[in-house]
Amino acid sequence: MNTVMLVFAILGMSGGTEWLVVGLAILLLFGGRKIPELMRGLGGGIKEFKNATKEDNSSDLISHEKEKKNDSKS
């Protein structure tokens, strides 16, 4: 657990007060009505990224299995 804290300290992880200030600044800039829409868009982007990486991994796995079958037949 201490190593995790050390890594965060080295990377400059902000404390609770800094996050509160950032949150208030975002609230002032975008307003309360726009934030849920922004978060929905961010969530959709993350979901799309995860799906793309899963598809890429599965296609790599399928091509690897095909190569394995071809090598065993030879």
N, C-alpha and C. Protein backbone atom coordinates (compact mmCIF):
# COMPACT_ATOMS: atom_id res chain seq x y z
N MET A 1 0.82 -1.19 0.00
CA MET A 1 0.00 0.00 0.00
C MET A 1 0.87 1.26 0.00
N ASN A 2 1.98 1.22 0.70
CA ASN A 2 2.85 2.38 0.76
C ASN A 2 3.47 2.69 -0.59
N THR A 3 3.73 1.65 -1.38
CA THR A 3 4.32 1.91 -2.70
C THR A 3 3.33 2.62 -3.62
N VAL A 4 2.04 2.30 -3.47
CA VAL A 4 1.02 2.99 -4.27
C VAL A 4 1.00 4.47 -3.91
N MET A 5 1.05 4.76 -2.63
CA MET A 5 1.05 6.15 -2.18
C MET A 5 2.30 6.88 -2.68
N LEU A 6 3.43 6.17 -2.68
CA LEU A 6 4.67 6.76 -3.15
C LEU A 6 4.60 7.08 -4.63
N VAL A 7 4.03 6.16 -5.41
CA VAL A 7 3.88 6.39 -6.85
C VAL A 7 2.99 7.60 -7.10
N PHE A 8 1.87 7.71 -6.37
CA PHE A 8 0.99 8.86 -6.53
C PHE A 8 1.70 10.15 -6.14
N ALA A 9 2.51 10.11 -5.11
CA ALA A 9 3.25 11.29 -4.68
C ALA A 9 4.27 11.71 -5.73
N ILE A 10 4.93 10.73 -6.32
CA ILE A 10 5.92 11.03 -7.35
C ILE A 10 5.25 11.61 -8.59
N LEU A 11 4.10 11.07 -8.96
CA LEU A 11 3.39 11.55 -10.14
C LEU A 11 2.65 12.85 -9.89
N GLY A 12 2.60 13.31 -8.66
CA GLY A 12 1.96 14.58 -8.35
C GLY A 12 0.45 14.46 -8.21
N MET A 13 -0.03 13.37 -7.65
CA MET A 13 -1.46 13.18 -7.47
C MET A 13 -1.99 14.24 -6.53
N SER A 14 -3.04 14.91 -6.96
CA SER A 14 -3.60 16.00 -6.18
C SER A 14 -4.40 15.46 -5.00
N GLY A 15 -4.50 16.28 -3.97
CA GLY A 15 -5.27 15.93 -2.79
C GLY A 15 -6.73 16.29 -2.96
N GLY A 16 -7.50 16.11 -1.90
CA GLY A 16 -8.94 16.36 -1.94
C GLY A 16 -9.30 17.80 -2.22
N THR A 17 -8.54 18.74 -1.66
CA THR A 17 -8.84 20.16 -1.86
C THR A 17 -8.66 20.56 -3.32
N GLU A 18 -7.60 20.06 -3.93
CA GLU A 18 -7.35 20.39 -5.34
C GLU A 18 -8.47 19.85 -6.23
N TRP A 19 -8.93 18.61 -5.94
CA TRP A 19 -10.01 18.03 -6.73
C TRP A 19 -11.30 18.81 -6.55
N LEU A 20 -11.53 19.32 -5.34
CA LEU A 20 -12.71 20.13 -5.08
C LEU A 20 -12.67 21.42 -5.88
N VAL A 21 -11.53 22.05 -5.94
CA VAL A 21 -11.37 23.29 -6.72
C VAL A 21 -11.58 23.00 -8.20
N VAL A 22 -11.02 21.92 -8.69
CA VAL A 22 -11.18 21.55 -10.11
C VAL A 22 -12.66 21.29 -10.40
N GLY A 23 -13.33 20.56 -9.52
CA GLY A 23 -14.75 20.28 -9.70
C GLY A 23 -15.60 21.54 -9.73
N LEU A 24 -15.31 22.47 -8.84
CA LEU A 24 -16.05 23.74 -8.82
C LEU A 24 -15.78 24.56 -10.09
N ALA A 25 -14.54 24.54 -10.56
CA ALA A 25 -14.21 25.26 -11.79
C ALA A 25 -14.98 24.68 -12.98
N ILE A 26 -15.05 23.36 -13.06
CA ILE A 26 -15.80 22.70 -14.14
C ILE A 26 -17.28 23.05 -14.04
N LEU A 27 -17.80 23.05 -12.83
CA LEU A 27 -19.20 23.40 -12.62
C LEU A 27 -19.48 24.83 -13.07
N LEU A 28 -18.58 25.74 -12.77
CA LEU A 28 -18.76 27.13 -13.18
C LEU A 28 -18.63 27.31 -14.69
N LEU A 29 -17.70 26.57 -15.30
CA LEU A 29 -17.48 26.71 -16.74
C LEU A 29 -18.63 26.13 -17.56
N PHE A 30 -19.09 24.95 -17.19
CA PHE A 30 -20.05 24.25 -18.02
C PHE A 30 -21.48 24.34 -17.50
N GLY A 31 -21.67 24.58 -16.24
CA GLY A 31 -23.02 24.65 -15.68
C GLY A 31 -23.54 23.27 -15.33
N GLY A 32 -24.53 23.23 -14.45
CA GLY A 32 -25.06 21.97 -13.95
C GLY A 32 -25.78 21.14 -15.00
N ARG A 33 -26.33 21.77 -16.01
CA ARG A 33 -27.09 21.01 -17.01
C ARG A 33 -26.19 20.33 -18.03
N LYS A 34 -25.03 20.88 -18.27
CA LYS A 34 -24.15 20.36 -19.31
C LYS A 34 -23.29 19.19 -18.81
N ILE A 35 -23.02 19.13 -17.52
CA ILE A 35 -22.11 18.11 -16.97
C ILE A 35 -22.61 16.68 -17.21
N PRO A 36 -23.90 16.36 -16.97
CA PRO A 36 -24.33 14.98 -17.27
C PRO A 36 -24.15 14.60 -18.73
N GLU A 37 -24.36 15.55 -19.63
CA GLU A 37 -24.16 15.28 -21.05
C GLU A 37 -22.69 15.02 -21.35
N LEU A 38 -21.80 15.79 -20.73
CA LEU A 38 -20.37 15.57 -20.92
C LEU A 38 -19.94 14.21 -20.39
N MET A 39 -20.46 13.84 -19.22
CA MET A 39 -20.11 12.54 -18.63
C MET A 39 -20.65 11.39 -19.46
N ARG A 40 -21.84 11.56 -20.03
CA ARG A 40 -22.42 10.53 -20.90
C ARG A 40 -21.53 10.33 -22.13
N GLY A 41 -21.07 11.43 -22.70
CA GLY A 41 -20.18 11.34 -23.85
C GLY A 41 -18.86 10.67 -23.50
N LEU A 42 -18.32 11.02 -22.32
CA LEU A 42 -17.08 10.41 -21.87
C LEU A 42 -17.26 8.91 -21.64
N GLY A 43 -18.36 8.53 -21.02
CA GLY A 43 -18.65 7.12 -20.79
C GLY A 43 -18.82 6.36 -22.09
N GLY A 44 -19.49 6.97 -23.06
CA GLY A 44 -19.65 6.33 -24.37
C GLY A 44 -18.31 6.13 -25.07
N GLY A 45 -17.43 7.11 -24.93
CA GLY A 45 -16.10 7.00 -25.54
C GLY A 45 -15.29 5.88 -24.90
N ILE A 46 -15.37 5.77 -23.59
CA ILE A 46 -14.65 4.71 -22.88
C ILE A 46 -15.19 3.35 -23.28
N LYS A 47 -16.52 3.23 -23.37
CA LYS A 47 -17.15 1.97 -23.76
C LYS A 47 -16.73 1.57 -25.18
N GLU A 48 -16.70 2.54 -26.08
CA GLU A 48 -16.30 2.28 -27.46
C GLU A 48 -14.84 1.83 -27.53
N PHE A 49 -13.99 2.46 -26.72
CA PHE A 49 -12.57 2.09 -26.68
C PHE A 49 -12.40 0.66 -26.18
N LYS A 50 -13.12 0.30 -25.12
CA LYS A 50 -13.03 -1.06 -24.58
C LYS A 50 -13.50 -2.08 -25.60
N ASN A 51 -14.60 -1.79 -26.30
CA ASN A 51 -15.09 -2.71 -27.33
C ASN A 51 -14.08 -2.88 -28.45
N ALA A 52 -13.44 -1.79 -28.84
CA ALA A 52 -12.45 -1.86 -29.91
C ALA A 52 -11.25 -2.70 -29.49
N THR A 53 -10.82 -2.56 -28.24
CA THR A 53 -9.68 -3.36 -27.79
C THR A 53 -10.06 -4.82 -27.66
N LYS A 54 -11.29 -5.12 -27.25
CA LYS A 54 -11.73 -6.51 -27.17
C LYS A 54 -11.79 -7.13 -28.56
N GLU A 55 -12.30 -6.40 -29.54
CA GLU A 55 -12.37 -6.91 -30.91
C GLU A 55 -10.98 -7.16 -31.45
N ASP A 56 -10.05 -6.26 -31.16
CA ASP A 56 -8.68 -6.40 -31.64
C ASP A 56 -8.03 -7.63 -31.01
N ASN A 57 -8.24 -7.82 -29.71
CA ASN A 57 -7.66 -8.99 -29.03
C ASN A 57 -8.26 -10.28 -29.55
N SER A 58 -9.56 -10.30 -29.80
CA SER A 58 -10.19 -11.53 -30.28
C SER A 58 -9.73 -11.85 -31.70
N SER A 59 -9.55 -10.84 -32.54
CA SER A 59 -9.08 -11.11 -33.90
C SER A 59 -7.64 -11.60 -33.88
N ASP A 60 -6.82 -11.09 -32.95
CA ASP A 60 -5.45 -11.58 -32.82
C ASP A 60 -5.44 -13.03 -32.37
N LEU A 61 -6.33 -13.36 -31.44
CA LEU A 61 -6.41 -14.72 -30.92
C LEU A 61 -6.85 -15.68 -32.02
N ILE A 62 -7.84 -15.29 -32.83
CA ILE A 62 -8.34 -16.14 -33.91
C ILE A 62 -7.25 -16.36 -34.95
N SER A 63 -6.53 -15.31 -35.33
CA SER A 63 -5.48 -15.47 -36.33
C SER A 63 -4.34 -16.32 -35.79
N HIS A 64 -4.06 -16.20 -34.49
CA HIS A 64 -3.02 -17.03 -33.88
C HIS A 64 -3.43 -18.50 -33.88
N GLU A 65 -4.70 -18.78 -33.60
CA GLU A 65 -5.19 -20.16 -33.61
C GLU A 65 -5.15 -20.74 -35.02
N LYS A 66 -5.48 -19.93 -36.03
CA LYS A 66 -5.42 -20.40 -37.42
C LYS A 66 -3.99 -20.75 -37.80
N GLU A 67 -3.04 -19.91 -37.39
CA GLU A 67 -1.64 -20.18 -37.69
C GLU A 67 -1.18 -21.48 -37.02
N LYS A 68 -1.65 -21.69 -35.80
CA LYS A 68 -1.29 -22.89 -35.07
C LYS A 68 -1.80 -24.14 -35.81
N LYS A 69 -3.04 -24.07 -36.31
CA LYS A 69 -3.63 -25.20 -37.03
C LYS A 69 -2.87 -25.47 -38.33
N ASN A 70 -2.52 -24.38 -39.02
CA ASN A 70 -1.78 -24.54 -40.28
C ASN A 70 -0.39 -25.14 -40.04
N ASP A 71 0.25 -24.75 -38.93
CA ASP A 71 1.57 -25.30 -38.62
C ASP A 71 1.48 -26.78 -38.26
N SER A 72 0.42 -27.17 -37.57
CA SER A 72 0.29 -28.57 -37.18
C SER A 72 -0.05 -29.46 -38.37
N LYS A 73 -0.72 -28.92 -39.41
CA LYS A 73 -1.05 -29.69 -40.59
C LYS A 73 0.17 -29.91 -41.47
N SER A 74 1.12 -28.99 -41.44
CA SER A 74 2.30 -29.07 -42.30
C SER A 74 3.27 -30.13 -41.88
